[in-house]
């Protein structure tokens, strides 16, 4: 399939698809001047779109995308996504700790007899 059809199928702009190719994230087959996208290319573009929506930087994606026999190495990508999931979980824990600290501060202020109620 050509880039226009790939754009429609993935919801990515043609400009974004060209950028992903330029940055080495995808490797569509070239026939003459035209890019031809395989089903695996489309799957990878969809994964890239979702990863970007999750806030994964292109640089990290590029480091995680490997090819074997012209096909993306899905096992490596799965490992990367699991690692990223662990990072997100750790960040959630840190944010929950911050919320607990804020709650403690708010509770302390509310219970302080020296702080007038109208100031709280």
C-alpha atoms as a PDB file:
ATOM      1  CA  UNK A   1       0.000   0.000   0.000  1.00  0.00           C
ATOM      2  CA  UNK A   2       1.171   3.534  -0.734  1.00  0.00           C
ATOM      3  CA  UNK A   3       1.697   6.308   1.819  1.00  0.00           C
ATOM      4  CA  UNK A   4      -1.743   7.873   1.329  1.00  0.00           C
ATOM      5  CA  UNK A   5      -3.487   4.605   2.142  1.00  0.00           C
ATOM      6  CA  UNK A   6      -1.100   3.999   5.045  1.00  0.00           C
ATOM      7  CA  UNK A   7      -1.967   7.444   6.373  1.00  0.00           C
ATOM      8  CA  UNK A   8      -5.689   6.751   6.205  1.00  0.00           C
ATOM      9  CA  UNK A   9      -5.357   3.331   7.801  1.00  0.00           C
ATOM     10  CA  UNK A  10      -3.187   4.521  10.696  1.00  0.00           C
ATOM     11  CA  UNK A  11      -4.585   7.996  11.270  1.00  0.00           C
ATOM     12  CA  UNK A  12      -1.077   9.428  10.954  1.00  0.00           C
ATOM     13  CA  UNK A  13      -0.278  12.252   8.590  1.00  0.00           C
ATOM     14  CA  UNK A  14       1.916  11.536   5.598  1.00  0.00           C
ATOM     15  CA  UNK A  15       4.386  14.037   7.056  1.00  0.00           C
ATOM     16  CA  UNK A  16       4.579  12.026  10.307  1.00  0.00           C
ATOM     17  CA  UNK A  17       5.069   8.781   8.390  1.00  0.00           C
ATOM     18  CA  UNK A  18       7.900  10.335   6.376  1.00  0.00           C
ATOM     19  CA  UNK A  19       9.459  11.624   9.615  1.00  0.00           C
ATOM     20  CA  UNK A  20       9.285   8.157  11.167  1.00  0.00           C
ATOM     21  CA  UNK A  21      10.994   6.726   8.094  1.00  0.00           C
ATOM     22  CA  UNK A  22      13.636   9.465   8.126  1.00  0.00           C
ATOM     23  CA  UNK A  23      14.350   8.776  11.799  1.00  0.00           C
ATOM     24  CA  UNK A  24      14.717   5.049  11.176  1.00  0.00           C
ATOM     25  CA  UNK A  25      11.575   3.947  13.012  1.00  0.00           C
ATOM     26  CA  UNK A  26      10.059   2.274   9.951  1.00  0.00           C
ATOM     27  CA  UNK A  27      11.546   0.820   6.801  1.00  0.00           C
ATOM     28  CA  UNK A  28       8.938   0.624   4.059  1.00  0.00           C
ATOM     29  CA  UNK A  29       9.963  -1.048   0.848  1.00  0.00           C
ATOM     30  CA  UNK A  30      10.825   1.348  -1.963  1.00  0.00           C
ATOM     31  CA  UNK A  31       9.778   0.632  -5.512  1.00  0.00           C
ATOM     32  CA  UNK A  32      11.037   3.456  -7.675  1.00  0.00           C
ATOM     33  CA  UNK A  33      10.025   6.715  -6.001  1.00  0.00           C
ATOM     34  CA  UNK A  34       7.197   5.178  -4.039  1.00  0.00           C
ATOM     35  CA  UNK A  35       7.056   3.771  -0.545  1.00  0.00           C
ATOM     36  CA  UNK A  36       5.147   0.530  -0.212  1.00  0.00           C
ATOM     37  CA  UNK A  37       3.902  -0.328   3.252  1.00  0.00           C
ATOM     38  CA  UNK A  38       3.423  -3.938   4.307  1.00  0.00           C
ATOM     39  CA  UNK A  39       0.991  -5.160   6.957  1.00  0.00           C
ATOM     40  CA  UNK A  40       3.932  -5.244   9.413  1.00  0.00           C
ATOM     41  CA  UNK A  41       4.749  -1.605   8.568  1.00  0.00           C
ATOM     42  CA  UNK A  42       1.147  -0.644   9.298  1.00  0.00           C
ATOM     43  CA  UNK A  43       1.208  -2.547  12.594  1.00  0.00           C
ATOM     44  CA  UNK A  44       4.423  -0.765  13.562  1.00  0.00           C
ATOM     45  CA  UNK A  45       2.976   2.631  12.613  1.00  0.00           C
ATOM     46  CA  UNK A  46      -0.062   1.913  14.794  1.00  0.00           C
ATOM     47  CA  UNK A  47       2.225   0.946  17.659  1.00  0.00           C
ATOM     48  CA  UNK A  48       4.247   4.140  17.192  1.00  0.00           C
ATOM     49  CA  UNK A  49       1.037   6.193  17.200  1.00  0.00           C
ATOM     50  CA  UNK A  50      -0.098   4.591  20.456  1.00  0.00           C
ATOM     51  CA  UNK A  51       3.346   4.909  22.030  1.00  0.00           C
ATOM     52  CA  UNK A  52       3.448   8.609  21.171  1.00  0.00           C
ATOM     53  CA  UNK A  53      -0.010   9.058  22.714  1.00  0.00           C
ATOM     54  CA  UNK A  54       1.438   7.500  25.872  1.00  0.00           C
ATOM     55  CA  UNK A  55       4.264  10.032  25.868  1.00  0.00           C
ATOM     56  CA  UNK A  56       7.070   7.719  24.784  1.00  0.00           C
ATOM     57  CA  UNK A  57       9.755   9.847  23.086  1.00  0.00           C
ATOM     58  CA  UNK A  58      10.717   8.997  19.501  1.00  0.00           C
ATOM     59  CA  UNK A  59      14.346   8.624  20.554  1.00  0.00           C
ATOM     60  CA  UNK A  60      13.429   5.831  22.975  1.00  0.00           C
ATOM     61  CA  UNK A  61      11.222   4.163  20.385  1.00  0.00           C
ATOM     62  CA  UNK A  62      14.008   4.287  17.821  1.00  0.00           C
ATOM     63  CA  UNK A  63      16.335   2.568  20.280  1.00  0.00           C
ATOM     64  CA  UNK A  64      13.732  -0.151  20.902  1.00  0.00           C
ATOM     65  CA  UNK A  65      12.801  -0.928  17.294  1.00  0.00           C
ATOM     66  CA  UNK A  66      14.888  -3.722  15.817  1.00  0.00           C
ATOM     67  CA  UNK A  67      14.417  -5.621  12.588  1.00  0.00           C
ATOM     68  CA  UNK A  68      14.901  -9.279  11.752  1.00  0.00           C
ATOM     69  CA  UNK A  69      14.591 -10.289   8.107  1.00  0.00           C
ATOM     70  CA  UNK A  70      12.976  -6.951   7.193  1.00  0.00           C
ATOM     71  CA  UNK A  71      10.303  -7.464   9.888  1.00  0.00           C
ATOM     72  CA  UNK A  72      10.024  -5.625  13.210  1.00  0.00           C
ATOM     73  CA  UNK A  73      11.257  -7.656  16.175  1.00  0.00           C
ATOM     74  CA  UNK A  74       8.039  -7.655  18.181  1.00  0.00           C
ATOM     75  CA  UNK A  75       9.671  -9.474  21.086  1.00  0.00           C
ATOM     76  CA  UNK A  76      12.128  -6.623  21.621  1.00  0.00           C
ATOM     77  CA  UNK A  77       9.310  -4.092  21.382  1.00  0.00           C
ATOM     78  CA  UNK A  78       7.253  -6.027  23.923  1.00  0.00           C
ATOM     79  CA  UNK A  79      10.228  -6.050  26.315  1.00  0.00           C
ATOM     80  CA  UNK A  80      10.650  -2.305  25.852  1.00  0.00           C
ATOM     81  CA  UNK A  81       6.950  -1.659  26.515  1.00  0.00           C
ATOM     82  CA  UNK A  82       7.059  -3.796  29.657  1.00  0.00           C
ATOM     83  CA  UNK A  83      10.062  -1.805  30.857  1.00  0.00           C
ATOM     84  CA  UNK A  84       8.276   1.468  30.110  1.00  0.00           C
ATOM     85  CA  UNK A  85       5.213   0.181  31.975  1.00  0.00           C
ATOM     86  CA  UNK A  86       7.435  -0.421  35.004  1.00  0.00           C
ATOM     87  CA  UNK A  87       8.702   3.157  34.770  1.00  0.00           C
ATOM     88  CA  UNK A  88       5.137   4.461  34.652  1.00  0.00           C
ATOM     89  CA  UNK A  89       4.186   2.321  37.665  1.00  0.00           C
ATOM     90  CA  UNK A  90       7.162   3.717  39.613  1.00  0.00           C
ATOM     91  CA  UNK A  91       6.107   7.256  38.698  1.00  0.00           C
ATOM     92  CA  UNK A  92       2.562   6.519  39.899  1.00  0.00           C
ATOM     93  CA  UNK A  93       3.978   5.388  43.253  1.00  0.00           C
ATOM     94  CA  UNK A  94       6.045   8.586  43.509  1.00  0.00           C
ATOM     95  CA  UNK A  95       2.987  10.705  42.713  1.00  0.00           C
ATOM     96  CA  UNK A  96       0.886   8.826  45.286  1.00  0.00           C
ATOM     97  CA  UNK A  97       3.558   9.540  47.892  1.00  0.00           C
ATOM     98  CA  UNK A  98       3.439  13.225  46.987  1.00  0.00           C
ATOM     99  CA  UNK A  99      -0.336  13.206  47.391  1.00  0.00           C
ATOM    100  CA  UNK A 100       0.011  11.632  50.829  1.00  0.00           C
ATOM    101  CA  UNK A 101       2.525  14.309  51.823  1.00  0.00           C
ATOM    102  CA  UNK A 102       0.173  17.030  50.605  1.00  0.00           C
ATOM    103  CA  UNK A 103      -2.725  15.480  52.526  1.00  0.00           C
ATOM    104  CA  UNK A 104      -0.564  15.410  55.653  1.00  0.00           C
ATOM    105  CA  UNK A 105       0.319  19.077  55.220  1.00  0.00           C
ATOM    106  CA  UNK A 106      -3.308  20.016  54.647  1.00  0.00           C
ATOM    107  CA  UNK A 107      -4.422  18.005  57.659  1.00  0.00           C
ATOM    108  CA  UNK A 108      -1.723  19.588  59.818  1.00  0.00           C
ATOM    109  CA  UNK A 109      -2.811  23.081  58.816  1.00  0.00           C
ATOM    110  CA  UNK A 110      -6.469  22.262  59.482  1.00  0.00           C
ATOM    111  CA  UNK A 111      -5.656  20.971  62.976  1.00  0.00           C
ATOM    112  CA  UNK A 112      -3.377  23.839  63.938  1.00  0.00           C
ATOM    113  CA  UNK A 113      -5.064  25.997  66.609  1.00  0.00           C
ATOM    114  CA  UNK A 114      -2.893  28.979  65.671  1.00  0.00           C
ATOM    115  CA  UNK A 115      -4.295  29.195  62.139  1.00  0.00           C
ATOM    116  CA  UNK A 116      -7.653  31.006  62.080  1.00  0.00           C
ATOM    117  CA  UNK A 117     -10.404  28.962  60.396  1.00  0.00           C
ATOM    118  CA  UNK A 118     -11.111  31.758  57.898  1.00  0.00           C
ATOM    119  CA  UNK A 119      -7.485  31.518  56.658  1.00  0.00           C
ATOM    120  CA  UNK A 120      -7.837  27.845  55.768  1.00  0.00           C
END
